[in-house]
C-alpha cells in the first residue's frame, strides 16, 4: 500500500474514537461514530451544492448552501412546532370558572377552580377538554354530603368533605380521599378513613382505619395511614 492510500485510511480512522470491545456493545459506541459520519457526509453534500450552484450569483449561492446545511434543523423545528401548536400531546389546564359547573350531581359556583386535561386545537385554542376535578372555596352540597372538591376517579367520585360526616353508618373523616358512587338511591360509600371508631360484627374498628367496600354488605379494613391533606 503506497503512502497516499495509507494517509486516506489514517484520515478515516481519525473519525472514530478508540474503543474497547465493551464499548462496541454500548449505545454510545455506535451512535457517536454514526453521527460523526453523517455530519461529514452532510458537509460534503453542502460543499457539493455550493459547487453545483456556481451559475447563481454569489449571494444566492451562499443562501442556497446555508439553507441546505441547516435543512435538518429546520425540518425538526417544523415538526416540533406542529407537535406543540396543534396539540398532538395532552396538557393540563387550570382555570377559574365564570359560570357554575355541574359535576357528578354537585353544582360548583362560579369562581371555582376547574382542572382540565386538554388535547388538540391550535396552541390550546378550541382544544378538546376533559374535566378532571373542580374545587370551591365554600361548601357544595352533594346529596346529604357537603364537599369542597370533587374529582372523577373512573366509575367513582373522589370527594373532599368540608367536615367529618357519616356515610352508610361509617364516620368518615374530613378532607380528601373519600370515594363514593352515585346510584339511583343516592350516594353510597366506597372507601374512606374513619374519623372515630365503630363497632362492626363484634369488633371495634379504630379511628384512622381505611375502610373499603368489597361487596354489597362486606367491608375490608386497613391500617394504612391517611395521606396529608
Protein backbone atom coordinates (compact mmCIF):
# COMPACT_ATOMS: atom_id res chain seq x y z
CA UNK A 1 0.00 0.00 0.00
CA UNK A 2 1.50 3.35 -1.02
CA UNK A 3 1.73 6.40 1.18
CA UNK A 4 -1.28 8.16 -0.36
CA UNK A 5 -3.58 5.23 0.38
CA UNK A 6 -2.20 4.96 3.89
CA UNK A 7 -2.90 8.63 4.52
CA UNK A 8 -6.51 8.18 3.37
CA UNK A 9 -7.00 5.23 5.73
CA UNK A 10 -5.46 7.15 8.62
CA UNK A 11 -7.76 10.11 7.91
CA UNK A 12 -10.81 7.84 8.00
CA UNK A 13 -9.68 6.17 11.23
CA UNK A 14 -9.45 9.55 12.98
CA UNK A 15 -13.22 9.91 12.57
CA UNK A 16 -13.79 7.04 15.00
CA UNK A 17 -12.85 7.23 18.69
CA UNK A 18 -10.77 4.45 20.15
CA UNK A 19 -12.98 1.93 21.90
CA UNK A 20 -12.67 -1.39 23.63
CA UNK A 21 -14.80 -4.42 22.86
CA UNK A 22 -17.02 -3.50 25.80
CA UNK A 23 -17.65 -0.06 24.29
CA UNK A 24 -18.69 -1.56 20.96
CA UNK A 25 -21.75 -3.11 22.57
CA UNK A 26 -22.80 0.13 24.22
CA UNK A 27 -25.15 2.63 22.64
CA UNK A 28 -22.61 5.44 22.72
CA UNK A 29 -20.03 3.33 20.92
CA UNK A 30 -22.38 3.01 17.95
CA UNK A 31 -24.24 6.32 17.92
CA UNK A 32 -21.28 8.70 18.12
CA UNK A 33 -19.37 7.30 15.12
CA UNK A 34 -22.62 7.23 13.14
CA UNK A 35 -23.30 10.87 13.95
CA UNK A 36 -19.77 11.87 13.01
CA UNK A 37 -20.00 10.05 9.67
CA UNK A 38 -23.43 11.59 8.99
CA UNK A 39 -22.07 15.07 9.78
CA UNK A 40 -19.08 14.61 7.47
CA UNK A 41 -21.32 13.33 4.66
CA UNK A 42 -23.72 16.26 5.10
CA UNK A 43 -20.87 18.79 5.00
CA UNK A 44 -19.57 17.19 1.81
CA UNK A 45 -23.04 17.38 0.26
CA UNK A 46 -23.27 21.03 1.30
CA UNK A 47 -19.97 21.79 -0.44
CA UNK A 48 -21.26 19.95 -3.49
CA UNK A 49 -24.38 22.15 -3.52
CA UNK A 50 -22.16 25.24 -3.39
CA UNK A 51 -20.07 23.97 -6.32
CA UNK A 52 -23.04 22.95 -8.47
CA UNK A 53 -24.80 26.29 -7.96
CA UNK A 54 -21.93 28.29 -9.50
CA UNK A 55 -24.24 29.72 -12.18
CA UNK A 56 -26.10 31.66 -9.47
CA UNK A 57 -24.92 34.93 -8.01
CA UNK A 58 -22.63 34.69 -5.03
CA UNK A 59 -25.40 35.86 -2.70
CA UNK A 60 -27.83 33.21 -3.96
CA UNK A 61 -25.11 30.53 -3.84
CA UNK A 62 -24.38 31.30 -0.20
CA UNK A 63 -28.10 31.45 0.68
CA UNK A 64 -28.81 28.11 -1.03
CA UNK A 65 -25.81 26.48 0.63
CA UNK A 66 -26.70 27.73 4.11
CA UNK A 67 -30.33 26.69 3.63
CA UNK A 68 -29.26 23.20 2.61
CA UNK A 69 -26.85 22.99 5.55
CA UNK A 70 -29.48 23.83 8.16
CA UNK A 71 -32.31 21.92 6.44
CA UNK A 72 -32.31 19.06 9.02
CA UNK A 73 -32.60 21.56 11.85
CA UNK A 74 -35.45 23.39 10.08
CA UNK A 75 -37.33 20.14 9.48
CA UNK A 76 -37.01 19.13 13.13
CA UNK A 77 -38.14 22.62 14.20
CA UNK A 78 -41.21 22.46 11.93
CA UNK A 79 -42.17 19.03 13.30
CA UNK A 80 -41.72 20.25 16.88
CA UNK A 81 -43.79 23.38 16.16
CA UNK A 82 -46.64 21.31 14.67
CA UNK A 83 -46.50 18.91 17.64
CA UNK A 84 -46.71 21.76 20.14
CA UNK A 85 -49.04 24.13 18.29
CA UNK A 86 -51.66 21.63 17.24
CA UNK A 87 -51.66 19.71 20.50
CA UNK A 88 -50.67 16.22 19.46
CA UNK A 89 -49.98 15.70 23.16
CA UNK A 90 -52.16 16.11 26.24
CA UNK A 91 -51.66 19.03 28.62
CA UNK A 92 -53.24 20.10 31.88
CA UNK A 93 -55.03 23.42 32.30
CA UNK A 94 -56.49 25.08 35.39
CA UNK A 95 -58.92 27.98 35.22
CA UNK A 96 -61.35 29.91 37.38
CA UNK A 97 -64.88 29.23 36.19
CA UNK A 98 -67.05 32.14 35.06
CA UNK A 99 -70.22 30.12 35.40
CA UNK A 100 -71.42 27.33 37.66
CA UNK A 101 -70.13 23.82 36.84
CA UNK A 102 -72.15 20.64 37.38
CA UNK A 103 -70.07 17.55 38.12
CA UNK A 104 -71.34 14.20 39.41
CA UNK A 105 -74.53 15.74 40.72
CA UNK A 106 -72.82 18.61 42.56
CA UNK A 107 -73.07 22.19 41.30
CA UNK A 108 -69.93 24.23 41.91
CA UNK A 109 -70.48 28.01 41.85
CA UNK A 110 -68.78 30.49 39.55
CA UNK A 111 -65.30 31.32 40.78
CA UNK A 112 -64.40 27.67 41.42
CA UNK A 113 -61.11 26.24 40.17
CA UNK A 114 -61.54 23.65 37.41
CA UNK A 115 -58.73 21.35 36.32
CA UNK A 116 -58.89 20.01 32.76
CA UNK A 117 -57.00 17.64 30.50
CA UNK A 118 -56.90 19.15 27.03
CA UNK A 119 -55.76 17.87 23.65
CA UNK A 120 -55.84 19.23 20.11
CA UNK A 121 -56.59 22.74 18.90
CA UNK A 122 -54.06 25.41 17.98
CA UNK A 123 -51.88 26.38 20.96
CA UNK A 124 -54.76 25.13 23.13
CA UNK A 125 -57.42 27.12 21.26
CA UNK A 126 -60.55 25.04 20.64
CA UNK A 127 -58.90 22.03 22.26
CA UNK A 128 -60.88 19.01 23.40
CA UNK A 129 -61.09 19.27 27.18
CA UNK A 130 -61.98 16.69 29.83
CA UNK A 131 -62.79 17.87 33.33
CA UNK A 132 -60.62 16.10 35.92
CA UNK A 133 -61.58 17.87 39.13
CA UNK A 134 -63.14 21.07 40.45
CA UNK A 135 -62.71 22.85 43.77
CA UNK A 136 -64.66 25.57 45.54
CA UNK A 137 -63.75 27.89 48.39
CA UNK A 138 -67.15 27.23 50.01
CA UNK A 139 -69.19 24.14 50.87
CA UNK A 140 -71.02 22.46 47.97
CA UNK A 141 -73.90 20.01 48.64
CA UNK A 142 -73.61 16.53 47.12
CA UNK A 143 -76.72 14.69 48.20
CA UNK A 144 -76.55 14.71 52.00
CA UNK A 145 -72.81 15.48 51.94
CA UNK A 146 -71.01 18.81 52.00
CA UNK A 147 -67.83 18.88 49.99
CA UNK A 148 -65.38 21.45 48.61
CA UNK A 149 -63.65 19.37 45.93
CA UNK A 150 -64.68 16.60 43.56
CA UNK A 151 -62.57 14.53 41.19
CA UNK A 152 -63.62 11.85 38.73
CA UNK A 153 -61.93 8.54 39.55
CA UNK A 154 -63.15 6.02 36.98
CA UNK A 155 -66.65 4.92 37.95
CA UNK A 156 -66.33 6.62 41.32
CA UNK A 157 -66.18 10.16 42.63
CA UNK A 158 -63.36 11.20 44.91
CA UNK A 159 -64.64 13.95 47.20
CA UNK A 160 -63.08 16.22 49.79
CA UNK A 161 -65.54 16.69 52.63
CA UNK A 162 -65.80 20.02 54.42
CA UNK A 163 -66.17 18.20 57.76
CA UNK A 164 -66.43 14.67 59.14
CA UNK A 165 -69.69 13.05 58.03
CA UNK A 166 -71.35 9.64 58.34
CA UNK A 167 -71.85 7.58 55.17
CA UNK A 168 -73.55 4.19 55.29
CA UNK A 169 -73.01 4.18 59.03
CA UNK A 170 -69.24 4.86 58.80
CA UNK A 171 -67.93 8.07 60.42
CA UNK A 172 -65.66 9.30 57.59
CA UNK A 173 -63.01 11.94 58.26
CA UNK A 174 -62.98 15.36 56.65
CA UNK A 175 -60.63 16.24 53.82
CA UNK A 176 -59.98 14.46 50.51
CA UNK A 177 -59.67 10.76 49.61
CA UNK A 178 -63.29 9.71 50.27
CA UNK A 179 -64.69 7.60 47.42
CA UNK A 180 -68.43 7.47 46.72
CA UNK A 181 -70.56 6.05 43.94
CA UNK A 182 -73.69 7.63 42.54
CA UNK A 183 -76.65 5.23 42.43
CA UNK A 184 -80.39 5.70 41.81
CA UNK A 185 -80.87 5.50 45.59
CA UNK A 186 -78.26 8.21 46.25
CA UNK A 187 -74.55 8.28 47.00
CA UNK A 188 -73.06 5.20 48.66
CA UNK A 189 -69.68 4.92 50.34
CA UNK A 190 -66.90 3.05 48.58
CA UNK A 191 -63.92 3.95 50.78
CA UNK A 192 -62.79 6.46 53.41
CA UNK A 193 -60.65 6.94 56.51
CA UNK A 194 -62.54 6.77 59.80
CA UNK A 195 -62.74 9.84 61.98
CA UNK A 196 -63.87 7.87 65.04
CA UNK A 197 -64.14 4.14 65.95
CA UNK A 198 -67.15 2.00 65.08
CA UNK A 199 -68.36 -1.41 66.11
CA UNK A 200 -68.66 -3.88 63.23
CA UNK A 201 -69.60 -7.56 63.55
CA UNK A 202 -68.43 -7.74 67.15
CA UNK A 203 -65.11 -5.93 66.60
CA UNK A 204 -64.05 -2.35 67.13
CA UNK A 205 -62.70 -0.67 64.02
CA UNK A 206 -60.43 2.10 65.36
CA UNK A 207 -60.26 5.67 64.14
CA UNK A 208 -57.79 6.22 61.31
CA UNK A 209 -58.60 2.87 59.67
CA UNK A 210 -59.08 2.81 55.91
CA UNK A 211 -62.47 1.24 55.15
CA UNK A 212 -63.25 -0.08 51.65
CA UNK A 213 -66.34 -1.80 50.28
CA UNK A 214 -65.63 -5.28 48.87
CA UNK A 215 -69.23 -6.43 48.42
CA UNK A 216 -72.78 -5.26 48.89
CA UNK A 217 -72.55 -5.74 52.64
CA UNK A 218 -68.85 -6.59 53.05
CA UNK A 219 -66.02 -4.30 54.08
CA UNK A 220 -62.26 -4.52 54.23
CA UNK A 221 -60.12 -2.71 56.79
CA UNK A 222 -56.55 -1.49 56.51
CA UNK A 223 -54.33 0.42 58.99
CA UNK A 224 -52.89 2.43 56.10
CA UNK A 225 -52.29 5.98 57.37
CA UNK A 226 -54.23 8.75 55.70
CA UNK A 227 -52.15 10.95 53.38
CA UNK A 228 -51.66 14.53 54.46
CA UNK A 229 -54.31 16.91 53.17
